[in-house]
Protein backbone atom coordinates (compact mmCIF):
# COMPACT_ATOMS: atom_id res chain seq x y z
CA MET A 1 235.27 231.15 33.80
CA ARG A 2 233.25 228.41 35.48
CA LYS A 3 233.53 230.24 38.82
CA HIS A 4 232.10 233.40 37.25
CA ILE A 5 229.18 231.52 35.71
CA LEU A 6 228.43 229.88 39.05
CA LEU A 7 228.66 233.28 40.73
CA VAL A 8 226.09 234.72 38.32
CA ILE A 9 223.78 231.72 38.76
CA ASN A 10 224.11 231.96 42.52
CA GLY A 11 223.34 235.69 42.33
CA VAL A 12 220.23 235.06 40.25
CA ILE A 13 219.02 232.40 42.68
CA LEU A 14 219.60 234.61 45.72
CA GLY A 15 217.98 237.59 44.00
CA GLU A 16 214.94 235.48 43.13
CA PHE A 17 214.69 234.16 46.69
CA PHE A 18 214.94 237.54 48.41
CA GLY A 19 212.69 239.21 45.84
CA GLN A 20 210.02 236.58 46.35
CA MET A 21 210.27 236.76 50.14
CA PHE A 22 210.04 240.56 50.20
CA SER A 23 207.16 240.64 47.71
CA LEU A 24 205.22 238.13 49.83
CA LEU A 25 206.00 240.07 53.00
CA PHE A 26 204.81 243.36 51.53
CA SER A 27 201.71 241.75 50.00
CA TYR A 28 200.77 240.58 53.50
CA LEU A 29 201.77 243.85 55.20
CA TYR A 30 199.53 245.83 52.87
CA GLY A 31 196.67 243.57 53.95
CA SER A 32 195.93 242.51 50.41
CA SER A 33 194.17 239.30 49.56
CA ASN A 34 196.05 239.34 46.25
CA TYR A 35 199.74 238.82 45.58
CA PHE A 36 201.68 241.79 44.23
CA PRO A 37 205.21 241.14 42.95
CA SER A 38 205.96 244.85 43.32
CA ALA A 39 204.26 248.16 44.01
CA PRO A 40 200.84 248.62 42.39
CA THR A 41 202.28 251.45 40.28
CA PHE A 42 204.59 248.85 38.75
CA THR A 43 202.03 246.10 38.26
CA ASN A 44 199.54 248.53 36.69
CA HIS A 45 201.92 248.91 33.72
CA PHE A 46 201.12 245.35 32.64
CA SER A 47 198.01 244.04 30.93
CA ARG A 48 198.29 240.71 32.79
CA PRO A 49 199.43 240.09 36.39
CA LEU A 50 201.54 237.22 35.10
CA ASN A 51 203.58 239.66 32.99
CA ALA A 52 204.22 241.79 36.10
CA VAL A 53 205.46 238.70 37.94
CA LEU A 54 207.76 237.77 35.03
CA ALA A 55 209.21 241.29 34.88
CA SER A 56 209.72 241.23 38.66
CA VAL A 57 211.48 237.86 38.51
CA ILE A 58 213.86 239.20 35.85
CA LEU A 59 214.58 242.32 37.91
CA TRP A 60 215.14 240.29 41.10
CA GLY A 61 217.58 238.04 39.26
CA LEU A 62 219.48 241.05 37.93
CA MET A 63 219.60 242.54 41.44
CA GLY A 64 221.10 239.30 42.71
CA VAL A 65 223.73 239.42 39.97
CA VAL A 66 224.63 243.02 40.90
CA PHE A 67 225.24 242.04 44.52
CA SER A 68 227.16 238.88 43.62
CA VAL A 69 229.42 240.72 41.18
CA GLY A 70 229.92 243.60 43.62
CA ALA A 71 231.12 241.17 46.27
CA LEU A 72 233.97 240.12 43.96
CA VAL A 73 235.67 243.44 44.73
CA TYR A 74 236.67 242.11 48.15
CA LYS A 75 238.65 239.29 46.54
CA ASN A 76 241.19 241.80 45.19
CA GLU A 77 243.72 241.81 48.02
CA GLN A 78 246.02 244.34 46.33
CA TRP A 79 243.49 247.11 47.02
CA SER A 80 243.02 248.70 50.42
CA ILE A 81 239.83 248.02 52.37
CA ARG A 82 238.82 251.65 51.76
CA LYS A 83 239.21 251.31 47.98
CA ARG A 84 237.36 247.99 47.94
CA THR A 85 234.54 249.44 50.02
CA ILE A 86 234.17 252.52 47.80
CA ILE A 87 234.19 250.46 44.59
CA ASN A 88 231.81 247.91 46.12
CA PHE A 89 229.43 250.71 47.15
CA ALA A 90 229.59 252.24 43.65
CA ILE A 91 228.80 248.90 41.98
CA TYR A 92 225.92 248.21 44.36
CA TYR A 93 224.45 251.70 44.15
CA CYS A 94 224.87 252.19 40.39
CA GLY A 95 223.64 248.68 39.62
CA PHE A 96 220.81 248.45 42.14
CA THR A 97 219.29 251.94 41.89
CA PRO A 98 218.13 251.70 38.25
CA LEU A 99 216.72 248.23 38.92
CA ALA A 100 214.82 249.49 41.98
CA ILE A 101 213.42 252.35 39.88
CA LEU A 102 212.40 249.93 37.12
CA ALA A 103 210.77 247.69 39.75
CA GLY A 104 208.62 250.63 40.80
CA TRP A 105 209.91 250.69 44.35
CA PHE A 106 209.86 254.47 44.36
CA PRO A 107 208.81 257.20 41.94
CA LEU A 108 211.55 258.86 39.94
CA THR A 109 211.69 262.23 41.67
CA LEU A 110 214.62 264.04 43.25
CA ILE A 111 213.24 263.76 46.78
CA ASN A 112 212.57 260.03 46.41
CA ILE A 113 216.04 259.41 45.01
CA ALA A 114 217.49 261.35 47.96
CA ILE A 115 215.46 259.29 50.45
CA PHE A 116 216.40 256.05 48.69
CA THR A 117 220.06 257.08 48.68
CA GLY A 118 219.97 257.89 52.39
CA ILE A 119 218.38 254.55 53.23
CA PHE A 120 220.80 252.75 50.91
CA ILE A 121 223.80 254.40 52.59
CA LEU A 122 222.51 253.54 56.08
CA VAL A 123 221.90 249.90 55.14
CA PHE A 124 225.30 249.68 53.43
CA ILE A 125 227.08 251.09 56.51
CA LEU A 126 225.16 248.74 58.82
CA MET A 127 226.04 245.72 56.67
CA TRP A 128 229.67 246.87 56.43
CA PHE A 129 229.95 247.04 60.24
CA ILE A 130 228.28 243.65 60.66
CA ASN A 131 230.63 242.04 58.11
CA THR A 132 233.65 243.76 59.68
CA TYR A 133 232.65 242.47 63.12
CA ILE A 134 232.17 238.92 61.82
CA THR A 135 235.51 239.00 59.99
CA LYS A 136 237.39 240.32 63.04
CA ARG A 137 235.78 237.68 65.24
CA GLU A 138 236.78 234.96 62.77
CA LEU A 139 240.37 236.30 62.62
CA ARG A 140 240.58 236.28 66.43
CA ARG A 141 239.38 232.66 66.43
CA ILE A 142 241.94 231.63 63.80
CA ASN A 143 244.77 233.48 65.59
CA SER A 144 243.78 231.85 68.86
CA LYS A 145 243.95 228.41 67.22
CA ILE A 146 247.39 229.21 65.80
CA ARG A 147 248.66 230.40 69.20
CA ASN A 148 247.31 227.26 70.87
CA GLN A 149 249.01 225.01 68.32
CA LYS A 150 252.33 226.84 68.72
CA SER A 151 252.24 226.49 72.50
CA LYS A 152 251.87 222.70 72.30
């Protein structure tokens, strides 16, 4: 139970960190002299900018939890990599998409959902290949160490 609580806390912290970094980046990229925690269409829903920041912080924390919980799928070693990947994708997509919509990252139209989905799939595949590469490299390093110890 303690591990799960720490996982959620860690997810919230990471979500807050990445949310803050991206919101700062986009505030600068848009050339604004003001800070926007999210798209102007999102912040315009609030009577006070501080309320928009609070809502964004909550959404970023929830996004972090989604990604932390989704990563737990890979701990189940009875499932195949394919099954883990599909379930992980489903958790990420089904958990993250509504939060991104609530955060005002894109308007709720069919074309925007299709574009978001395409980008999401591309990023997921890229991250999957990067993680697979890192894991294979680590396994080769471990196997090499084992072979070297056996030959001594």
